[in-house]
N, C-alpha and C. Protein backbone atom coordinates (compact mmCIF):
# COMPACT_ATOMS: atom_id res chain seq x y z
N MET A 1 -69.63 -178.61 75.67
CA MET A 1 -70.63 -178.20 74.70
C MET A 1 -70.49 -176.73 74.31
N PRO A 2 -70.31 -175.79 75.24
CA PRO A 2 -70.19 -174.39 74.84
C PRO A 2 -68.94 -174.15 74.00
N LEU A 3 -67.88 -174.93 74.25
CA LEU A 3 -66.65 -174.75 73.47
C LEU A 3 -66.86 -175.18 72.02
N LYS A 4 -67.59 -176.26 71.80
CA LYS A 4 -67.89 -176.71 70.44
C LYS A 4 -68.78 -175.70 69.73
N PHE A 5 -69.75 -175.17 70.46
CA PHE A 5 -70.65 -174.18 69.89
C PHE A 5 -69.87 -172.94 69.46
N LEU A 6 -68.96 -172.50 70.32
CA LEU A 6 -68.13 -171.33 70.02
C LEU A 6 -67.25 -171.60 68.80
N ALA A 7 -66.72 -172.80 68.69
CA ALA A 7 -65.87 -173.16 67.55
C ALA A 7 -66.69 -173.14 66.25
N VAL A 8 -67.93 -173.64 66.31
CA VAL A 8 -68.80 -173.63 65.13
C VAL A 8 -69.14 -172.20 64.74
N VAL A 9 -69.44 -171.36 65.71
CA VAL A 9 -69.78 -169.96 65.44
C VAL A 9 -68.59 -169.24 64.80
N VAL A 10 -67.40 -169.46 65.32
CA VAL A 10 -66.20 -168.84 64.76
C VAL A 10 -65.96 -169.34 63.34
N ALA A 11 -66.11 -170.63 63.11
CA ALA A 11 -65.91 -171.19 61.78
C ALA A 11 -66.91 -170.62 60.78
N VAL A 12 -68.17 -170.54 61.18
CA VAL A 12 -69.21 -169.99 60.29
C VAL A 12 -68.93 -168.52 60.01
N ALA A 13 -68.55 -167.77 61.02
CA ALA A 13 -68.25 -166.35 60.83
C ALA A 13 -67.04 -166.16 59.92
N THR A 14 -66.05 -166.99 60.07
CA THR A 14 -64.85 -166.90 59.24
C THR A 14 -65.16 -167.24 57.79
N LEU A 15 -65.88 -168.32 57.57
CA LEU A 15 -66.18 -168.74 56.22
C LEU A 15 -67.17 -167.82 55.53
N SER A 16 -68.07 -167.23 56.27
CA SER A 16 -69.03 -166.32 55.64
C SER A 16 -68.37 -165.01 55.27
N GLY A 17 -67.24 -164.73 55.87
CA GLY A 17 -66.51 -163.51 55.52
C GLY A 17 -65.64 -163.67 54.30
N CYS A 18 -65.46 -164.89 53.83
CA CYS A 18 -64.63 -165.14 52.66
C CYS A 18 -65.40 -164.78 51.39
N GLN A 19 -64.74 -164.07 50.55
CA GLN A 19 -65.35 -163.70 49.28
C GLN A 19 -64.26 -163.77 48.23
N THR A 20 -64.60 -164.32 47.08
CA THR A 20 -63.60 -164.35 46.03
C THR A 20 -63.45 -162.95 45.46
N THR A 21 -62.25 -162.62 45.09
CA THR A 21 -62.02 -161.30 44.54
C THR A 21 -62.31 -161.29 43.05
N LYS A 22 -62.80 -160.17 42.59
CA LYS A 22 -63.08 -159.99 41.18
C LYS A 22 -61.74 -159.81 40.47
N PRO A 23 -61.54 -160.49 39.35
CA PRO A 23 -60.26 -160.34 38.64
C PRO A 23 -60.07 -158.90 38.17
N LEU A 24 -58.84 -158.48 38.16
CA LEU A 24 -58.52 -157.11 37.76
C LEU A 24 -58.63 -156.94 36.25
N TYR A 25 -58.21 -157.95 35.50
CA TYR A 25 -58.23 -157.89 34.05
C TYR A 25 -58.93 -159.10 33.48
N HIS A 26 -59.40 -158.94 32.24
CA HIS A 26 -60.00 -160.06 31.53
C HIS A 26 -59.18 -160.32 30.26
N TYR A 27 -58.70 -161.55 30.12
CA TYR A 27 -57.90 -161.91 28.95
C TYR A 27 -58.64 -162.79 27.96
N GLY A 28 -59.69 -163.46 28.39
CA GLY A 28 -60.41 -164.35 27.49
C GLY A 28 -59.47 -165.41 26.92
N ASP A 29 -59.47 -165.58 25.60
CA ASP A 29 -58.64 -166.58 24.93
C ASP A 29 -57.33 -165.99 24.42
N TYR A 30 -56.90 -164.91 25.02
CA TYR A 30 -55.70 -164.21 24.56
C TYR A 30 -54.47 -165.12 24.54
N GLN A 31 -54.24 -165.87 25.60
CA GLN A 31 -53.06 -166.73 25.65
C GLN A 31 -53.08 -167.79 24.56
N ASP A 32 -54.26 -168.36 24.32
CA ASP A 32 -54.38 -169.36 23.26
C ASP A 32 -54.11 -168.73 21.89
N ALA A 33 -54.62 -167.52 21.68
CA ALA A 33 -54.43 -166.84 20.40
C ALA A 33 -52.96 -166.54 20.15
N VAL A 34 -52.27 -166.08 21.17
CA VAL A 34 -50.84 -165.77 21.03
C VAL A 34 -50.06 -167.05 20.76
N TYR A 35 -50.35 -168.09 21.50
CA TYR A 35 -49.67 -169.37 21.30
C TYR A 35 -49.88 -169.88 19.88
N THR A 36 -51.13 -169.85 19.42
CA THR A 36 -51.46 -170.32 18.08
C THR A 36 -50.73 -169.49 17.03
N HIS A 37 -50.72 -168.18 17.23
CA HIS A 37 -50.08 -167.30 16.25
C HIS A 37 -48.60 -167.60 16.10
N PHE A 38 -47.91 -167.71 17.20
CA PHE A 38 -46.47 -167.89 17.13
C PHE A 38 -46.05 -169.33 16.86
N LYS A 39 -46.94 -170.25 17.07
CA LYS A 39 -46.63 -171.65 16.75
C LYS A 39 -46.92 -171.93 15.28
N ASN A 40 -47.60 -170.99 14.61
CA ASN A 40 -47.96 -171.12 13.19
C ASN A 40 -48.81 -172.35 12.93
N GLU A 41 -49.80 -172.55 13.79
CA GLU A 41 -50.72 -173.65 13.55
C GLU A 41 -51.65 -173.26 12.41
N ASP A 42 -52.65 -174.04 12.18
CA ASP A 42 -53.53 -173.85 11.03
C ASP A 42 -54.53 -172.70 11.19
N SER A 43 -54.44 -171.95 12.22
CA SER A 43 -55.37 -170.85 12.42
C SER A 43 -54.95 -169.65 11.57
N SER A 44 -55.91 -168.95 11.03
CA SER A 44 -55.61 -167.78 10.22
C SER A 44 -55.61 -166.53 11.10
N VAL A 45 -55.03 -165.47 10.56
CA VAL A 45 -55.00 -164.19 11.29
C VAL A 45 -56.43 -163.74 11.56
N THR A 46 -57.33 -163.99 10.62
CA THR A 46 -58.73 -163.61 10.80
C THR A 46 -59.35 -164.31 12.00
N GLN A 47 -59.06 -165.58 12.17
CA GLN A 47 -59.59 -166.32 13.32
C GLN A 47 -59.02 -165.78 14.62
N GLU A 48 -57.74 -165.44 14.60
CA GLU A 48 -57.12 -164.89 15.80
C GLU A 48 -57.72 -163.53 16.15
N ILE A 49 -57.95 -162.71 15.14
CA ILE A 49 -58.58 -161.41 15.36
C ILE A 49 -59.96 -161.59 15.96
N GLU A 50 -60.73 -162.52 15.41
CA GLU A 50 -62.08 -162.77 15.93
C GLU A 50 -62.03 -163.21 17.39
N ALA A 51 -61.07 -164.06 17.74
CA ALA A 51 -60.96 -164.54 19.12
C ALA A 51 -60.65 -163.38 20.08
N LEU A 52 -59.75 -162.50 19.66
CA LEU A 52 -59.40 -161.37 20.52
C LEU A 52 -60.53 -160.35 20.59
N GLU A 53 -61.24 -160.16 19.49
CA GLU A 53 -62.40 -159.25 19.51
C GLU A 53 -63.46 -159.78 20.48
N LYS A 54 -63.66 -161.10 20.49
CA LYS A 54 -64.61 -161.71 21.43
C LYS A 54 -64.17 -161.49 22.88
N ALA A 55 -62.87 -161.63 23.12
CA ALA A 55 -62.35 -161.42 24.47
C ALA A 55 -62.60 -160.00 24.93
N ILE A 56 -62.42 -159.04 24.04
CA ILE A 56 -62.66 -157.64 24.39
C ILE A 56 -64.15 -157.40 24.64
N ALA A 57 -64.99 -158.00 23.82
CA ALA A 57 -66.45 -157.87 24.02
C ALA A 57 -66.88 -158.47 25.36
N LYS A 58 -66.31 -159.62 25.71
CA LYS A 58 -66.63 -160.24 27.00
C LYS A 58 -66.16 -159.37 28.16
N SER A 59 -65.02 -158.72 27.97
CA SER A 59 -64.51 -157.82 29.01
C SER A 59 -65.51 -156.71 29.27
N SER A 60 -66.01 -156.13 28.20
CA SER A 60 -67.00 -155.05 28.35
C SER A 60 -68.27 -155.57 29.01
N ALA A 61 -68.71 -156.75 28.59
CA ALA A 61 -69.93 -157.32 29.16
C ALA A 61 -69.77 -157.61 30.65
N LYS A 62 -68.58 -158.02 31.06
CA LYS A 62 -68.32 -158.32 32.47
C LYS A 62 -67.84 -157.10 33.25
N ASN A 63 -67.76 -155.97 32.56
CA ASN A 63 -67.30 -154.72 33.18
C ASN A 63 -65.90 -154.87 33.77
N LEU A 64 -65.03 -155.55 33.01
CA LEU A 64 -63.64 -155.74 33.40
C LEU A 64 -62.74 -155.04 32.41
N GLN A 65 -61.59 -154.60 32.88
CA GLN A 65 -60.62 -153.97 32.00
C GLN A 65 -59.90 -155.04 31.18
N VAL A 66 -59.68 -154.73 29.92
CA VAL A 66 -58.94 -155.64 29.04
C VAL A 66 -57.51 -155.75 29.56
N GLY A 67 -56.99 -156.95 29.56
CA GLY A 67 -55.65 -157.18 30.08
C GLY A 67 -54.57 -156.50 29.27
N PRO A 68 -53.48 -156.16 29.93
CA PRO A 68 -52.35 -155.54 29.23
C PRO A 68 -51.84 -156.43 28.10
N GLY A 69 -51.59 -155.83 26.95
CA GLY A 69 -51.06 -156.55 25.81
C GLY A 69 -52.11 -157.01 24.82
N LEU A 70 -53.35 -157.15 25.25
CA LEU A 70 -54.38 -157.67 24.36
C LEU A 70 -54.65 -156.72 23.21
N ASN A 71 -54.85 -155.44 23.50
CA ASN A 71 -55.08 -154.47 22.43
C ASN A 71 -53.86 -154.35 21.52
N ALA A 72 -52.67 -154.42 22.09
CA ALA A 72 -51.44 -154.32 21.30
C ALA A 72 -51.34 -155.50 20.33
N HIS A 73 -51.62 -156.70 20.83
CA HIS A 73 -51.53 -157.87 19.96
C HIS A 73 -52.59 -157.82 18.87
N LEU A 74 -53.78 -157.37 19.23
CA LEU A 74 -54.84 -157.24 18.24
C LEU A 74 -54.45 -156.21 17.18
N GLY A 75 -53.87 -155.11 17.62
CA GLY A 75 -53.39 -154.11 16.66
C GLY A 75 -52.34 -154.68 15.72
N TYR A 76 -51.43 -155.45 16.28
CA TYR A 76 -50.39 -156.10 15.48
C TYR A 76 -51.02 -157.03 14.44
N LEU A 77 -52.02 -157.79 14.84
CA LEU A 77 -52.67 -158.71 13.90
C LEU A 77 -53.38 -157.95 12.79
N TYR A 78 -54.04 -156.85 13.15
CA TYR A 78 -54.71 -156.05 12.12
C TYR A 78 -53.69 -155.48 11.13
N ILE A 79 -52.58 -155.00 11.63
CA ILE A 79 -51.54 -154.48 10.73
C ILE A 79 -51.00 -155.60 9.85
N GLU A 80 -50.79 -156.76 10.44
CA GLU A 80 -50.30 -157.91 9.68
C GLU A 80 -51.29 -158.31 8.58
N SER A 81 -52.58 -158.11 8.83
CA SER A 81 -53.60 -158.47 7.84
C SER A 81 -53.83 -157.36 6.81
N GLY A 82 -53.08 -156.26 6.94
CA GLY A 82 -53.20 -155.19 5.96
C GLY A 82 -54.16 -154.07 6.34
N GLN A 83 -54.73 -154.14 7.52
CA GLN A 83 -55.68 -153.12 7.98
C GLN A 83 -54.94 -152.14 8.90
N MET A 84 -54.09 -151.33 8.31
CA MET A 84 -53.20 -150.44 9.05
C MET A 84 -53.95 -149.50 9.99
N ASP A 85 -55.01 -148.85 9.51
CA ASP A 85 -55.71 -147.86 10.34
C ASP A 85 -56.32 -148.49 11.59
N VAL A 86 -56.92 -149.65 11.44
CA VAL A 86 -57.52 -150.33 12.58
C VAL A 86 -56.42 -150.78 13.55
N GLY A 87 -55.34 -151.29 13.01
CA GLY A 87 -54.22 -151.74 13.83
C GLY A 87 -53.61 -150.60 14.63
N VAL A 88 -53.40 -149.48 13.98
CA VAL A 88 -52.82 -148.31 14.67
C VAL A 88 -53.77 -147.84 15.77
N ALA A 89 -55.07 -147.89 15.52
CA ALA A 89 -56.05 -147.48 16.54
C ALA A 89 -55.95 -148.37 17.78
N TYR A 90 -55.80 -149.67 17.58
CA TYR A 90 -55.67 -150.58 18.72
C TYR A 90 -54.34 -150.38 19.46
N LEU A 91 -53.28 -150.12 18.72
CA LEU A 91 -51.99 -149.85 19.38
C LEU A 91 -52.08 -148.58 20.22
N ASN A 92 -52.73 -147.56 19.68
CA ASN A 92 -52.90 -146.32 20.45
C ASN A 92 -53.80 -146.52 21.66
N LYS A 93 -54.78 -147.40 21.51
CA LYS A 93 -55.65 -147.71 22.66
C LYS A 93 -54.85 -148.39 23.76
N GLU A 94 -53.97 -149.30 23.39
CA GLU A 94 -53.11 -149.97 24.37
C GLU A 94 -52.25 -148.93 25.10
N LYS A 95 -51.70 -148.01 24.34
CA LYS A 95 -50.84 -146.99 24.93
C LYS A 95 -51.62 -146.08 25.88
N ALA A 96 -52.87 -145.79 25.53
CA ALA A 96 -53.71 -144.95 26.39
C ALA A 96 -54.08 -145.67 27.69
N LEU A 97 -54.40 -146.96 27.58
CA LEU A 97 -54.78 -147.74 28.76
C LEU A 97 -53.59 -148.04 29.66
N TYR A 98 -52.45 -148.28 29.06
CA TYR A 98 -51.25 -148.67 29.80
C TYR A 98 -50.08 -147.78 29.38
N PRO A 99 -49.98 -146.59 29.97
CA PRO A 99 -48.93 -145.64 29.57
C PRO A 99 -47.51 -146.20 29.70
N GLU A 100 -47.34 -147.18 30.56
CA GLU A 100 -46.00 -147.77 30.71
C GLU A 100 -45.56 -148.53 29.46
N SER A 101 -46.50 -148.79 28.56
CA SER A 101 -46.17 -149.49 27.32
C SER A 101 -45.83 -148.53 26.18
N ALA A 102 -45.83 -147.23 26.45
CA ALA A 102 -45.68 -146.22 25.40
C ALA A 102 -44.43 -146.41 24.55
N GLN A 103 -43.31 -146.68 25.18
CA GLN A 103 -42.06 -146.81 24.42
C GLN A 103 -42.13 -148.00 23.45
N PHE A 104 -42.65 -149.11 23.90
CA PHE A 104 -42.77 -150.29 23.04
C PHE A 104 -43.80 -150.05 21.93
N ILE A 105 -44.93 -149.46 22.28
CA ILE A 105 -45.98 -149.20 21.28
C ILE A 105 -45.46 -148.21 20.24
N ASP A 106 -44.76 -147.19 20.67
CA ASP A 106 -44.17 -146.24 19.71
C ASP A 106 -43.21 -146.95 18.75
N PHE A 107 -42.45 -147.90 19.26
CA PHE A 107 -41.55 -148.70 18.43
C PHE A 107 -42.35 -149.48 17.39
N LEU A 108 -43.46 -150.13 17.84
CA LEU A 108 -44.29 -150.89 16.91
C LEU A 108 -44.92 -149.98 15.86
N LEU A 109 -45.40 -148.81 16.30
CA LEU A 109 -46.00 -147.86 15.36
C LEU A 109 -44.99 -147.38 14.33
N LYS A 110 -43.79 -147.10 14.77
CA LYS A 110 -42.74 -146.64 13.86
C LYS A 110 -42.44 -147.71 12.82
N ASN A 111 -42.31 -148.96 13.27
CA ASN A 111 -42.04 -150.05 12.33
C ASN A 111 -43.21 -150.31 11.40
N ALA A 112 -44.43 -150.20 11.91
CA ALA A 112 -45.61 -150.42 11.07
C ALA A 112 -45.70 -149.37 9.98
N LYS A 113 -45.42 -148.14 10.33
CA LYS A 113 -45.50 -147.05 9.35
C LYS A 113 -44.37 -147.15 8.33
N ALA A 114 -43.25 -147.77 8.72
CA ALA A 114 -42.14 -147.97 7.79
C ALA A 114 -42.32 -149.22 6.96
N GLY A 115 -43.41 -149.95 7.21
CA GLY A 115 -43.68 -151.16 6.45
C GLY A 115 -42.94 -152.38 6.94
N LYS A 116 -42.55 -152.37 8.21
CA LYS A 116 -41.79 -153.50 8.77
C LYS A 116 -42.61 -154.32 9.74
N SER A 117 -43.94 -154.28 9.66
CA SER A 117 -44.75 -155.03 10.62
C SER A 117 -44.41 -156.45 10.51
């Protein structure tokens, strides 16, 4: 009997110590938006922008950092839709949040300014 009691106490202590970890980043529907964009389904750039804007808003609401690439893709979509200033702002935001992306973002900015988005 004491051995079973000890086993139950250990099991309860072990399980009560388990806690799920909070995700580091929030992506929302980012993967679906990217897939839809590159598959050229019936979704418009405006719908994709709205989906990514919602993902960013949910990130803020959940106090989570936006996942790497999300701001860059949103910036790309804005540039593609003709809203250069907004797109450049999102690309710069990506570069500020993730400095390791600077070389790629600078490449995108250079091409966008040259009219090659």
